[in-house]
N, C-alpha and C. Protein backbone atom coordinates (compact mmCIF):
# COMPACT_ATOMS: atom_id res chain seq x y z
N MET A 1 0.81 -1.15 -0.02
CA MET A 1 0.02 -0.02 0.04
C MET A 1 0.92 1.33 -0.02
N ARG A 2 2.00 1.25 0.85
CA ARG A 2 2.85 2.42 0.81
C ARG A 2 3.54 2.65 -0.55
N LEU A 3 3.87 1.60 -1.17
CA LEU A 3 4.51 1.65 -2.35
C LEU A 3 3.60 2.25 -3.45
N LEU A 4 2.35 1.96 -3.41
CA LEU A 4 1.36 2.41 -4.22
C LEU A 4 1.10 3.97 -4.00
N ALA A 5 0.96 4.31 -2.76
CA ALA A 5 0.89 5.74 -2.39
C ALA A 5 2.08 6.60 -2.84
N ALA A 6 3.29 6.04 -2.62
CA ALA A 6 4.55 6.73 -3.16
C ALA A 6 4.56 6.83 -4.64
N ALA A 7 4.19 5.81 -5.41
CA ALA A 7 4.15 5.90 -6.87
C ALA A 7 3.12 6.90 -7.29
N ALA A 8 1.96 7.07 -6.59
CA ALA A 8 0.93 7.99 -6.92
C ALA A 8 1.43 9.36 -6.68
N LEU A 9 2.13 9.57 -5.58
CA LEU A 9 2.61 10.88 -5.19
C LEU A 9 3.69 11.34 -6.22
N ALA A 10 4.62 10.38 -6.71
CA ALA A 10 5.65 10.69 -7.72
C ALA A 10 4.98 11.01 -9.04
N ALA A 11 3.98 10.37 -9.36
CA ALA A 11 3.29 10.56 -10.62
C ALA A 11 2.59 12.05 -10.54
N ALA A 12 2.01 12.33 -9.39
CA ALA A 12 1.40 13.67 -9.19
C ALA A 12 2.38 14.83 -9.38
N VAL A 13 3.53 14.61 -8.78
CA VAL A 13 4.59 15.64 -8.80
C VAL A 13 5.06 15.82 -10.25
N LEU A 14 5.38 14.65 -10.90
CA LEU A 14 5.71 14.71 -12.38
C LEU A 14 4.73 15.43 -13.29
N PHE A 15 3.46 15.08 -13.04
CA PHE A 15 2.45 15.68 -13.86
C PHE A 15 2.24 17.23 -13.51
N ALA A 16 2.44 17.57 -12.28
CA ALA A 16 2.42 19.01 -11.95
C ALA A 16 3.60 19.79 -12.69
N ALA A 17 4.73 19.20 -12.58
CA ALA A 17 5.92 19.91 -13.23
C ALA A 17 5.82 20.03 -14.74
N CYS A 18 5.09 19.02 -15.37
CA CYS A 18 4.87 19.07 -16.78
C CYS A 18 4.06 20.38 -17.29
N GLY A 19 3.15 20.84 -16.42
CA GLY A 19 2.32 21.91 -16.69
C GLY A 19 2.81 23.23 -16.27
N SER A 20 4.05 23.31 -15.64
CA SER A 20 4.55 24.57 -15.19
C SER A 20 5.21 25.29 -16.42
N PRO A 21 4.99 26.56 -16.48
CA PRO A 21 5.63 27.31 -17.52
C PRO A 21 7.16 27.42 -17.50
N SER A 22 7.77 27.62 -18.59
CA SER A 22 9.25 27.72 -18.62
C SER A 22 9.64 29.04 -18.19
N PRO A 23 10.79 29.18 -17.55
CA PRO A 23 11.22 30.47 -16.97
C PRO A 23 11.78 31.35 -18.13
N ASP A 24 11.77 32.69 -17.87
CA ASP A 24 12.27 33.57 -18.83
C ASP A 24 13.80 33.52 -18.56
N LEU A 25 14.64 33.44 -19.74
CA LEU A 25 16.19 33.53 -19.60
C LEU A 25 16.55 34.94 -19.24
N PHE A 26 16.05 35.95 -19.96
CA PHE A 26 16.39 37.38 -19.62
C PHE A 26 15.21 38.26 -20.30
N ALA A 27 15.32 39.41 -19.76
CA ALA A 27 14.37 40.52 -20.44
C ALA A 27 15.30 41.74 -20.62
N VAL A 28 15.16 42.39 -21.75
CA VAL A 28 16.04 43.51 -22.13
C VAL A 28 15.08 44.70 -22.42
N ASP A 29 15.42 45.80 -21.84
CA ASP A 29 14.80 47.09 -22.12
C ASP A 29 15.83 47.94 -22.81
N ARG A 30 15.46 48.24 -24.05
CA ARG A 30 16.45 49.09 -24.93
C ARG A 30 15.72 50.50 -25.13
N ALA A 31 16.51 51.49 -24.93
CA ALA A 31 16.15 52.89 -25.20
C ALA A 31 17.26 53.66 -25.88
N GLY A 32 16.94 54.73 -26.42
CA GLY A 32 18.00 55.50 -27.26
C GLY A 32 17.52 56.69 -27.87
N SER A 33 18.43 57.25 -28.58
CA SER A 33 18.19 58.64 -29.22
C SER A 33 17.88 58.47 -30.65
N ILE A 34 17.67 57.46 -31.15
CA ILE A 34 17.32 57.29 -32.59
C ILE A 34 15.95 56.58 -32.71
N PRO A 35 15.29 56.82 -33.86
CA PRO A 35 13.99 56.29 -34.02
C PRO A 35 14.00 54.78 -34.00
N GLY A 36 13.06 54.16 -33.34
CA GLY A 36 13.04 52.71 -33.23
C GLY A 36 13.84 52.16 -32.22
N ALA A 37 14.43 52.86 -31.36
CA ALA A 37 15.44 52.42 -30.24
C ALA A 37 14.67 51.72 -29.17
N ARG A 38 13.49 52.15 -28.80
CA ARG A 38 12.68 51.73 -27.64
C ARG A 38 12.23 50.25 -27.97
N LEU A 39 12.58 49.31 -27.18
CA LEU A 39 12.18 47.92 -27.35
C LEU A 39 12.23 47.26 -25.97
N ARG A 40 11.21 46.33 -25.77
CA ARG A 40 11.25 45.38 -24.57
C ARG A 40 11.15 44.00 -25.22
N LEU A 41 12.20 43.21 -24.85
CA LEU A 41 12.44 41.86 -25.38
C LEU A 41 12.55 40.98 -24.23
N VAL A 42 11.64 39.97 -24.22
CA VAL A 42 11.74 38.87 -23.15
C VAL A 42 11.91 37.57 -23.75
N VAL A 43 12.96 36.83 -23.58
CA VAL A 43 13.29 35.65 -24.11
C VAL A 43 13.00 34.47 -23.03
N ASN A 44 12.29 33.56 -23.48
CA ASN A 44 11.90 32.37 -22.65
C ASN A 44 12.58 31.08 -22.92
N ASP A 45 12.72 30.33 -21.87
CA ASP A 45 13.53 29.06 -22.16
C ASP A 45 12.71 28.00 -22.96
N ALA A 46 11.43 28.29 -23.20
CA ALA A 46 10.57 27.35 -24.04
C ALA A 46 10.96 27.60 -25.47
N GLY A 47 11.80 28.69 -25.82
CA GLY A 47 12.18 28.96 -27.15
C GLY A 47 11.24 29.93 -27.81
N THR A 48 10.80 30.93 -27.04
CA THR A 48 9.88 32.03 -27.50
C THR A 48 10.55 33.34 -27.15
N VAL A 49 10.22 34.43 -27.82
CA VAL A 49 10.48 35.67 -27.48
C VAL A 49 9.12 36.61 -27.68
N ARG A 50 9.01 37.49 -26.70
CA ARG A 50 8.01 38.45 -26.74
C ARG A 50 8.71 39.85 -27.00
N CYS A 51 8.13 40.56 -28.02
CA CYS A 51 8.52 41.88 -28.39
C CYS A 51 7.47 42.85 -27.90
N ASP A 52 7.96 43.84 -27.09
CA ASP A 52 7.04 44.83 -26.56
C ASP A 52 5.78 44.05 -25.95
N ASP A 53 4.65 44.42 -26.28
CA ASP A 53 3.45 43.76 -25.66
C ASP A 53 2.81 42.78 -26.74
N ARG A 54 3.52 42.36 -27.74
CA ARG A 54 2.89 41.48 -28.70
C ARG A 54 3.03 39.93 -28.18
N PRO A 55 2.18 39.08 -28.77
CA PRO A 55 2.27 37.69 -28.41
C PRO A 55 3.66 37.06 -28.66
N ALA A 56 4.11 36.02 -27.95
CA ALA A 56 5.29 35.43 -28.15
C ALA A 56 5.41 34.72 -29.46
N VAL A 57 6.61 34.79 -30.07
CA VAL A 57 6.79 34.01 -31.26
C VAL A 57 7.95 33.02 -31.10
N LYS A 58 8.19 32.06 -31.91
CA LYS A 58 9.25 31.03 -31.73
C LYS A 58 10.54 31.55 -32.15
N LEU A 59 11.58 31.17 -31.39
CA LEU A 59 12.94 31.45 -31.98
C LEU A 59 13.43 30.10 -32.62
N SER A 60 14.47 30.36 -33.44
CA SER A 60 15.08 29.25 -34.00
C SER A 60 15.90 28.42 -32.87
N GLY A 61 16.32 27.27 -33.13
CA GLY A 61 17.20 26.45 -32.21
C GLY A 61 18.46 27.14 -31.93
N GLY A 62 19.04 27.70 -33.03
CA GLY A 62 20.34 28.45 -32.72
C GLY A 62 20.06 29.71 -31.97
N GLU A 63 18.92 30.48 -32.12
CA GLU A 63 18.71 31.69 -31.37
C GLU A 63 18.43 31.27 -29.78
N LEU A 64 17.78 30.08 -29.60
CA LEU A 64 17.53 29.70 -28.21
C LEU A 64 18.88 29.30 -27.59
N LEU A 65 19.80 28.61 -28.29
CA LEU A 65 21.08 28.19 -27.67
C LEU A 65 21.89 29.41 -27.49
N ASP A 66 21.79 30.41 -28.39
CA ASP A 66 22.51 31.66 -28.13
C ASP A 66 22.01 32.39 -26.88
N ALA A 67 20.88 32.38 -26.73
CA ALA A 67 20.20 33.06 -25.51
C ALA A 67 20.57 32.35 -24.27
N ARG A 68 20.64 30.98 -24.23
CA ARG A 68 21.04 30.31 -23.00
C ARG A 68 22.50 30.54 -22.70
N ASP A 69 23.40 30.68 -23.80
CA ASP A 69 24.78 31.03 -23.56
C ASP A 69 24.95 32.43 -22.91
N LEU A 70 24.16 33.23 -23.57
CA LEU A 70 24.13 34.68 -23.04
C LEU A 70 23.71 34.70 -21.53
N GLN A 71 22.64 34.01 -21.19
CA GLN A 71 22.24 34.00 -19.75
C GLN A 71 23.28 33.50 -18.92
N ARG A 72 23.94 32.47 -19.31
CA ARG A 72 24.94 31.87 -18.45
C ARG A 72 26.18 32.79 -18.39
N ASP A 73 26.46 33.51 -19.41
CA ASP A 73 27.63 34.41 -19.39
C ASP A 73 27.25 35.72 -18.67
N LEU A 74 25.99 36.03 -18.53
CA LEU A 74 25.49 37.15 -17.74
C LEU A 74 25.54 36.96 -16.25
N GLU A 75 25.59 35.71 -15.82
CA GLU A 75 25.42 35.46 -14.44
C GLU A 75 26.31 36.31 -13.49
N ALA A 76 27.56 36.26 -13.76
CA ALA A 76 28.42 37.05 -12.86
C ALA A 76 28.26 38.59 -12.92
N PRO A 77 28.12 39.29 -14.10
CA PRO A 77 27.78 40.61 -14.11
C PRO A 77 26.49 40.95 -13.49
N ALA A 78 25.50 40.15 -13.65
CA ALA A 78 24.13 40.36 -13.15
C ALA A 78 24.14 40.13 -11.63
N ALA A 79 24.84 39.18 -11.14
CA ALA A 79 24.94 39.10 -9.73
C ALA A 79 25.57 40.24 -8.98
N ARG A 80 26.48 40.84 -9.74
CA ARG A 80 27.13 42.05 -9.19
C ARG A 80 26.34 43.31 -9.41
N GLU A 81 25.24 43.22 -10.18
CA GLU A 81 24.41 44.35 -10.42
C GLU A 81 25.21 45.42 -11.21
N LEU A 82 25.93 44.94 -12.15
CA LEU A 82 26.84 45.82 -12.92
C LEU A 82 26.07 47.00 -13.62
N ARG A 83 26.64 48.22 -13.44
CA ARG A 83 26.03 49.36 -14.02
C ARG A 83 27.16 50.21 -14.57
N LEU A 84 27.11 50.32 -15.97
CA LEU A 84 28.17 51.03 -16.59
C LEU A 84 27.63 52.33 -17.19
N ALA A 85 28.31 53.38 -17.00
CA ALA A 85 27.75 54.65 -17.44
C ALA A 85 27.92 54.81 -18.95
N PRO A 86 26.90 55.42 -19.58
CA PRO A 86 27.09 55.74 -21.05
C PRO A 86 28.25 56.78 -21.35
N GLY A 87 28.79 56.59 -22.41
CA GLY A 87 29.95 57.56 -22.83
C GLY A 87 29.21 58.80 -23.45
N ARG A 88 29.96 59.65 -24.01
CA ARG A 88 29.46 60.92 -24.64
C ARG A 88 28.69 60.75 -25.91
N GLY A 89 29.08 59.60 -26.66
CA GLY A 89 28.38 59.43 -27.98
C GLY A 89 27.39 58.32 -27.92
N SER A 90 26.79 58.07 -26.75
CA SER A 90 25.88 56.83 -26.50
C SER A 90 24.55 57.12 -27.48
N VAL A 91 24.36 56.09 -28.07
CA VAL A 91 22.96 56.02 -29.04
C VAL A 91 21.99 55.03 -28.43
N LEU A 92 22.36 53.93 -27.93
CA LEU A 92 21.56 52.93 -27.34
C LEU A 92 21.88 52.70 -25.91
N ARG A 93 20.85 52.43 -25.09
CA ARG A 93 21.08 52.08 -23.62
C ARG A 93 20.32 50.77 -23.33
N TYR A 94 20.90 49.96 -22.53
CA TYR A 94 20.21 48.58 -22.29
C TYR A 94 20.07 48.48 -20.76
N ARG A 95 18.94 47.80 -20.29
CA ARG A 95 18.88 47.32 -19.04
C ARG A 95 18.38 45.87 -19.25
N VAL A 96 19.17 44.92 -18.63
CA VAL A 96 18.97 43.53 -18.81
C VAL A 96 18.68 42.90 -17.40
N ARG A 97 17.54 42.17 -17.33
CA ARG A 97 17.27 41.43 -16.02
C ARG A 97 17.43 39.93 -16.26
N THR A 98 17.96 39.28 -15.56
CA THR A 98 18.11 37.80 -15.48
C THR A 98 17.65 37.24 -14.12
N PRO A 99 17.52 35.98 -14.04
CA PRO A 99 17.18 35.40 -12.60
C PRO A 99 18.31 35.70 -11.63
N ASP A 100 19.56 35.99 -12.05
CA ASP A 100 20.63 36.33 -11.13
C ASP A 100 20.78 37.86 -10.78
N GLY A 101 20.12 38.74 -11.49
CA GLY A 101 20.22 40.17 -11.15
C GLY A 101 20.04 40.97 -12.35
N ALA A 102 20.59 42.11 -12.40
CA ALA A 102 20.40 43.10 -13.46
C ALA A 102 21.82 43.75 -13.88
N VAL A 103 21.84 44.08 -15.11
CA VAL A 103 22.95 44.84 -15.74
C VAL A 103 22.44 45.98 -16.51
N SER A 104 23.13 47.17 -16.48
CA SER A 104 22.72 48.27 -17.37
C SER A 104 24.03 48.80 -17.89
N PHE A 105 23.92 49.15 -19.25
CA PHE A 105 25.00 49.69 -20.04
C PHE A 105 24.59 50.46 -21.23
N ALA A 106 25.45 51.01 -21.87
CA ALA A 106 25.20 51.72 -23.25
C ALA A 106 26.15 51.21 -24.24
N ASP A 107 25.82 51.51 -25.48
CA ASP A 107 26.60 50.99 -26.66
C ASP A 107 27.99 51.40 -26.46
N ASP A 108 28.34 52.57 -25.88
CA ASP A 108 29.60 53.05 -25.87
C ASP A 108 30.25 53.05 -24.37
N SER A 109 29.66 52.36 -23.46
CA SER A 109 30.16 52.29 -22.19
C SER A 109 31.60 51.72 -22.08
N ALA A 110 32.43 52.28 -21.28
CA ALA A 110 33.88 51.88 -21.19
C ALA A 110 33.95 50.56 -20.40
N ALA A 111 34.91 49.84 -20.74
CA ALA A 111 35.28 48.58 -19.93
C ALA A 111 34.13 47.55 -19.98
N LYS A 112 33.33 47.46 -21.05
CA LYS A 112 32.16 46.56 -21.12
C LYS A 112 32.83 45.04 -21.21
N PRO A 113 32.24 44.14 -20.48
CA PRO A 113 32.58 42.73 -20.69
C PRO A 113 32.07 42.32 -22.09
N ALA A 114 32.74 41.42 -22.78
CA ALA A 114 32.38 41.06 -24.07
C ALA A 114 30.84 40.48 -24.28
N VAL A 115 30.40 40.00 -23.20
CA VAL A 115 29.16 39.39 -23.28
C VAL A 115 28.10 40.48 -23.57
N LEU A 116 28.39 41.77 -23.06
CA LEU A 116 27.36 42.86 -23.30
C LEU A 116 27.36 43.16 -24.73
N ASP A 117 28.44 43.22 -25.47
CA ASP A 117 28.34 43.47 -27.00
C ASP A 117 27.62 42.27 -27.67
N ARG A 118 27.87 41.13 -27.23
CA ARG A 118 27.15 39.96 -27.92
C ARG A 118 25.62 40.10 -27.64
N LEU A 119 25.29 40.50 -26.39
CA LEU A 119 23.86 40.72 -26.08
C LEU A 119 23.20 41.79 -26.97
N ALA A 120 23.89 42.83 -27.11
CA ALA A 120 23.35 43.97 -28.01
C ALA A 120 23.23 43.45 -29.48
N PHE A 121 24.07 42.74 -29.94
CA PHE A 121 24.10 42.18 -31.28
C PHE A 121 22.87 41.20 -31.38
N TYR A 122 22.71 40.41 -30.36
CA TYR A 122 21.57 39.39 -30.27
C TYR A 122 20.22 40.16 -30.30
N VAL A 123 20.10 41.10 -29.43
CA VAL A 123 18.85 41.98 -29.45
C VAL A 123 18.55 42.50 -30.80
N ARG A 124 19.54 43.02 -31.40
CA ARG A 124 19.27 43.59 -32.66
C ARG A 124 18.88 42.63 -33.72
N ARG A 125 19.47 41.41 -33.76
CA ARG A 125 19.22 40.35 -34.70
C ARG A 125 17.73 39.79 -34.48
N VAL A 126 17.45 39.50 -33.11
CA VAL A 126 16.11 38.96 -32.88
C VAL A 126 15.00 40.04 -33.18
N ALA A 127 15.35 41.38 -32.81
CA ALA A 127 14.35 42.39 -33.03
C ALA A 127 13.98 42.47 -34.53
N ARG A 128 14.92 42.26 -35.33
CA ARG A 128 14.68 42.35 -36.82
C ARG A 128 14.06 41.11 -37.35
N GLU A 129 14.62 39.99 -36.92
CA GLU A 129 14.20 38.70 -37.62
C GLU A 129 12.99 38.14 -36.95
N ARG A 130 12.66 38.33 -35.76
CA ARG A 130 11.51 37.80 -35.01
C ARG A 130 10.44 38.80 -34.69
N CYS A 131 10.80 40.07 -34.54
CA CYS A 131 9.84 41.12 -34.02
C CYS A 131 9.50 42.06 -35.18
N GLY A 132 10.20 41.87 -36.41
CA GLY A 132 9.88 42.72 -37.57
C GLY A 132 10.21 44.21 -37.29
N ARG A 133 11.24 44.41 -36.49
CA ARG A 133 11.67 45.89 -36.14
C ARG A 133 12.78 46.26 -37.08
N PRO A 134 12.91 47.44 -37.34
CA PRO A 134 13.99 47.92 -38.27
C PRO A 134 15.38 47.81 -37.66
N ARG A 135 15.33 47.87 -36.26
CA ARG A 135 16.70 47.83 -35.65
C ARG A 135 16.45 47.05 -34.25
């Protein structure tokens, strides 16, 4: 009888986990001084992205893998709550939230870790290819 109860409990736990939503990998708020700069992008581990307030759309397998790599590489700067000041020629500013914390930077911030340039490129690519945005 105990074995049957344990098996039923295990099945219930597994069934409940199957219905839980996938977590967001990161959310990016982009702003700037050029038209079309303002963007909110939320990348989910289920392989979707939400652009601004639009419904989620599918990412390619490569885009999802890139997002997971970015999230992993953002762990340390996000945990430190890294904030980099914009330079004098700043055009775009970013605020990134991950499960580990947040990072803010500009396209011309000094001493940026390489992951932040990769993230900016990823945001531009996904905004154009999945969100239909000009930048």
